[in-house]
Amino acid sequence: SEWYQRRVRGLYELQSKLNHSCDPNVQIVFSSSNHELSVEALRDITEKEEVCISYLSCCQLDSSRHSRRKFLLENYLFECECRKCAAQINDPDVTSDEEEYDSDEEEMECT
C-alpha cells in the first residue's frame, strides 16, 4: 500500500523476523547516531514465550479489536490472532470516528 511504501526506510534482519502482537513484549529502538536497531523488553518474558513487536502505533494499540484487525489486514495482509485479539473476540465489531485511521496521514491523532 501507499502507506507502507512511505513508512519503510530500511530492512533489518532482526526486526524482519519478529511477529506482531497487539500486546507486544518488546519494542524496536533506533540509535539516533548510527541507525542501529536494538530490541528492548517492555515486560518480563517467559522462557517459551514468543518475542513480538507491534506493527501498530501506540495510539492504534488502544483502539478497538475491529479497528486494529482492519488496519493490519489492509496494510500487512493478515488477520491478527494474538492474545489480546483473542481475549476481545466478543467485543462489538465497530469502528468509531475517533479510531478511524486515515492511511494517507503519517500518524493517527490520539484523542
C-alpha atoms as a PDB file:
ATOM      1  CA  SER A   1       0.000   0.000   0.000  1.00  0.00           C
ATOM      2  CA  GLU A   2       0.997   3.643  -0.339  1.00  0.00           C
ATOM      3  CA  TRP A   3       1.158   3.962   3.472  1.00  0.00           C
ATOM      4  CA  TYR A   4       3.634   1.088   3.669  1.00  0.00           C
ATOM      5  CA  GLN A   5       5.812   2.489   0.894  1.00  0.00           C
ATOM      6  CA  ARG A   6       6.094   5.848   2.689  1.00  0.00           C
ATOM      7  CA  ARG A   7       6.919   4.267   6.073  1.00  0.00           C
ATOM      8  CA  VAL A   8       9.572   1.686   5.157  1.00  0.00           C
ATOM      9  CA  ARG A   9      13.065   3.171   5.312  1.00  0.00           C
ATOM     10  CA  GLY A  10      15.343   0.157   5.738  1.00  0.00           C
ATOM     11  CA  LEU A  11      15.480  -3.582   6.179  1.00  0.00           C
ATOM     12  CA  TYR A  12      16.833  -5.008   9.400  1.00  0.00           C
ATOM     13  CA  GLU A  13      17.336  -8.761   9.671  1.00  0.00           C
ATOM     14  CA  LEU A  14      16.437  -8.978  13.381  1.00  0.00           C
ATOM     15  CA  GLN A  15      13.282  -6.897  13.101  1.00  0.00           C
ATOM     16  CA  SER A  16      12.112  -8.734   9.994  1.00  0.00           C
ATOM     17  CA  LYS A  17      11.963 -11.984  11.993  1.00  0.00           C
ATOM     18  CA  LEU A  18       9.681 -10.616  14.723  1.00  0.00           C
ATOM     19  CA  ASN A  19       5.955 -11.257  14.515  1.00  0.00           C
ATOM     20  CA  HIS A  20       3.210  -8.846  15.533  1.00  0.00           C
ATOM     21  CA  SER A  21       1.126  -8.778  18.683  1.00  0.00           C
ATOM     22  CA  CYS A  22      -1.385  -6.162  19.849  1.00  0.00           C
ATOM     23  CA  ASP A  23       0.141  -6.835  23.279  1.00  0.00           C
ATOM     24  CA  PRO A  24       3.848  -6.721  22.379  1.00  0.00           C
ATOM     25  CA  ASN A  25       6.537  -7.772  24.842  1.00  0.00           C
ATOM     26  CA  VAL A  26       9.365  -5.882  23.084  1.00  0.00           C
ATOM     27  CA  GLN A  27       9.802  -2.682  21.135  1.00  0.00           C
ATOM     28  CA  ILE A  28      12.241  -1.599  18.467  1.00  0.00           C
ATOM     29  CA  VAL A  29      14.655   1.178  19.434  1.00  0.00           C
ATOM     30  CA  PHE A  30      16.871   3.012  16.963  1.00  0.00           C
ATOM     31  CA  SER A  31      20.115   4.711  17.885  1.00  0.00           C
ATOM     32  CA  SER A  32      19.928   8.349  16.891  1.00  0.00           C
ATOM     33  CA  SER A  33      23.539   8.475  15.794  1.00  0.00           C
ATOM     34  CA  ASN A  34      24.198   5.373  13.711  1.00  0.00           C
ATOM     35  CA  HIS A  35      20.863   3.867  12.582  1.00  0.00           C
ATOM     36  CA  GLU A  36      21.474   0.703  14.625  1.00  0.00           C
ATOM     37  CA  LEU A  37      18.418  -1.209  15.735  1.00  0.00           C
ATOM     38  CA  SER A  38      18.000  -2.881  19.108  1.00  0.00           C
ATOM     39  CA  VAL A  39      15.143  -4.706  20.804  1.00  0.00           C
ATOM     40  CA  GLU A  40      14.013  -3.602  24.274  1.00  0.00           C
ATOM     41  CA  ALA A  41      11.760  -5.658  26.577  1.00  0.00           C
ATOM     42  CA  LEU A  42       8.511  -3.979  27.637  1.00  0.00           C
ATOM     43  CA  ARG A  43       7.829  -6.554  30.371  1.00  0.00           C
ATOM     44  CA  ASP A  44       9.185  -9.828  31.690  1.00  0.00           C
ATOM     45  CA  ILE A  45       9.253 -12.523  29.008  1.00  0.00           C
ATOM     46  CA  THR A  46       8.816 -16.172  29.932  1.00  0.00           C
ATOM     47  CA  GLU A  47      11.171 -18.836  28.623  1.00  0.00           C
ATOM     48  CA  LYS A  48       8.810 -20.272  25.980  1.00  0.00           C
ATOM     49  CA  GLU A  49       7.054 -17.000  25.074  1.00  0.00           C
ATOM     50  CA  GLU A  50       7.442 -15.695  21.539  1.00  0.00           C
ATOM     51  CA  VAL A  51       9.156 -12.318  21.283  1.00  0.00           C
ATOM     52  CA  CYS A  52       6.747  -9.977  19.448  1.00  0.00           C
ATOM     53  CA  ILE A  53       6.681  -6.342  18.392  1.00  0.00           C
ATOM     54  CA  SER A  54       3.641  -4.340  17.385  1.00  0.00           C
ATOM     55  CA  TYR A  55       3.177  -3.239  13.786  1.00  0.00           C
ATOM     56  CA  LEU A  56       0.736  -0.610  15.104  1.00  0.00           C
ATOM     57  CA  SER A  57       1.344   2.823  16.602  1.00  0.00           C
ATOM     58  CA  CYS A  58       0.790   3.291  20.330  1.00  0.00           C
ATOM     59  CA  CYS A  59      -2.499   5.053  19.534  1.00  0.00           C
ATOM     60  CA  GLN A  60      -3.706   2.188  17.373  1.00  0.00           C
ATOM     61  CA  LEU A  61      -2.908  -0.321  20.125  1.00  0.00           C
ATOM     62  CA  ASP A  62      -5.579   1.377  22.254  1.00  0.00           C
ATOM     63  CA  SER A  63      -8.213   1.182  19.524  1.00  0.00           C
ATOM     64  CA  SER A  64     -10.887  -1.497  19.214  1.00  0.00           C
ATOM     65  CA  ARG A  65     -10.122  -5.041  18.110  1.00  0.00           C
ATOM     66  CA  HIS A  66     -12.047  -4.404  14.906  1.00  0.00           C
ATOM     67  CA  SER A  67     -10.021  -1.269  14.093  1.00  0.00           C
ATOM     68  CA  ARG A  68      -6.689  -2.957  14.793  1.00  0.00           C
ATOM     69  CA  ARG A  69      -7.505  -6.049  12.740  1.00  0.00           C
ATOM     70  CA  LYS A  70      -8.893  -3.952   9.870  1.00  0.00           C
ATOM     71  CA  PHE A  71      -5.695  -1.877   9.688  1.00  0.00           C
ATOM     72  CA  LEU A  72      -3.449  -4.955   9.857  1.00  0.00           C
ATOM     73  CA  LEU A  73      -5.424  -6.749   7.148  1.00  0.00           C
ATOM     74  CA  GLU A  74      -5.385  -3.720   4.836  1.00  0.00           C
ATOM     75  CA  ASN A  75      -1.710  -2.857   5.362  1.00  0.00           C
ATOM     76  CA  TYR A  76       0.027  -6.113   6.329  1.00  0.00           C
ATOM     77  CA  LEU A  77      -2.337  -8.664   4.748  1.00  0.00           C
ATOM     78  CA  PHE A  78      -3.022 -10.841   7.789  1.00  0.00           C
ATOM     79  CA  GLU A  79      -5.750 -11.290  10.390  1.00  0.00           C
ATOM     80  CA  CYS A  80      -4.341 -10.846  13.853  1.00  0.00           C
ATOM     81  CA  GLU A  81      -4.979 -13.707  16.272  1.00  0.00           C
ATOM     82  CA  CYS A  82      -2.780 -12.522  19.133  1.00  0.00           C
ATOM     83  CA  ARG A  83      -3.663 -12.989  22.800  1.00  0.00           C
ATOM     84  CA  LYS A  84      -5.250  -9.508  23.052  1.00  0.00           C
ATOM     85  CA  CYS A  85      -7.416 -10.017  19.956  1.00  0.00           C
ATOM     86  CA  ALA A  86      -8.457 -13.467  21.189  1.00  0.00           C
ATOM     87  CA  ALA A  87      -9.475 -12.014  24.569  1.00  0.00           C
ATOM     88  CA  GLN A  88     -11.589  -9.349  22.820  1.00  0.00           C
ATOM     89  CA  ILE A  89     -13.256 -11.725  20.332  1.00  0.00           C
ATOM     90  CA  ASN A  90     -16.747 -10.999  21.715  1.00  0.00           C
ATOM     91  CA  ASP A  91     -16.317  -7.210  21.557  1.00  0.00           C
ATOM     92  CA  PRO A  92     -18.620  -5.447  19.055  1.00  0.00           C
ATOM     93  CA  ASP A  93     -17.183  -5.014  15.552  1.00  0.00           C
ATOM     94  CA  VAL A  94     -17.418  -1.234  15.476  1.00  0.00           C
ATOM     95  CA  THR A  95     -15.021   1.457  14.376  1.00  0.00           C
ATOM     96  CA  SER A  96     -15.687   4.823  15.943  1.00  0.00           C
ATOM     97  CA  ASP A  97     -14.924   8.073  14.137  1.00  0.00           C
ATOM     98  CA  GLU A  98     -12.169   8.774  16.669  1.00  0.00           C
ATOM     99  CA  GLU A  99     -10.495   5.435  15.948  1.00  0.00           C
ATOM    100  CA  GLU A 100     -10.626   5.679  12.186  1.00  0.00           C
ATOM    101  CA  TYR A 101      -7.093   5.693  10.835  1.00  0.00           C
ATOM    102  CA  ASP A 102      -6.526   7.559   7.610  1.00  0.00           C
ATOM    103  CA  SER A 103      -3.789   5.640   5.822  1.00  0.00           C
ATOM    104  CA  ASP A 104      -2.943   8.810   3.864  1.00  0.00           C
ATOM    105  CA  GLU A 105      -1.864  10.505   7.105  1.00  0.00           C
ATOM    106  CA  GLU A 106       1.603   9.959   8.580  1.00  0.00           C
ATOM    107  CA  GLU A 107       0.326   9.484  12.144  1.00  0.00           C
ATOM    108  CA  MET A 108      -3.030   8.856  13.746  1.00  0.00           C
ATOM    109  CA  GLU A 109      -4.283  11.580  16.058  1.00  0.00           C
ATOM    110  CA  CYS A 110      -4.539  10.312  19.636  1.00  0.00           C
ATOM    111  CA  THR A 111      -7.645  11.519  21.429  1.00  0.00           C
END
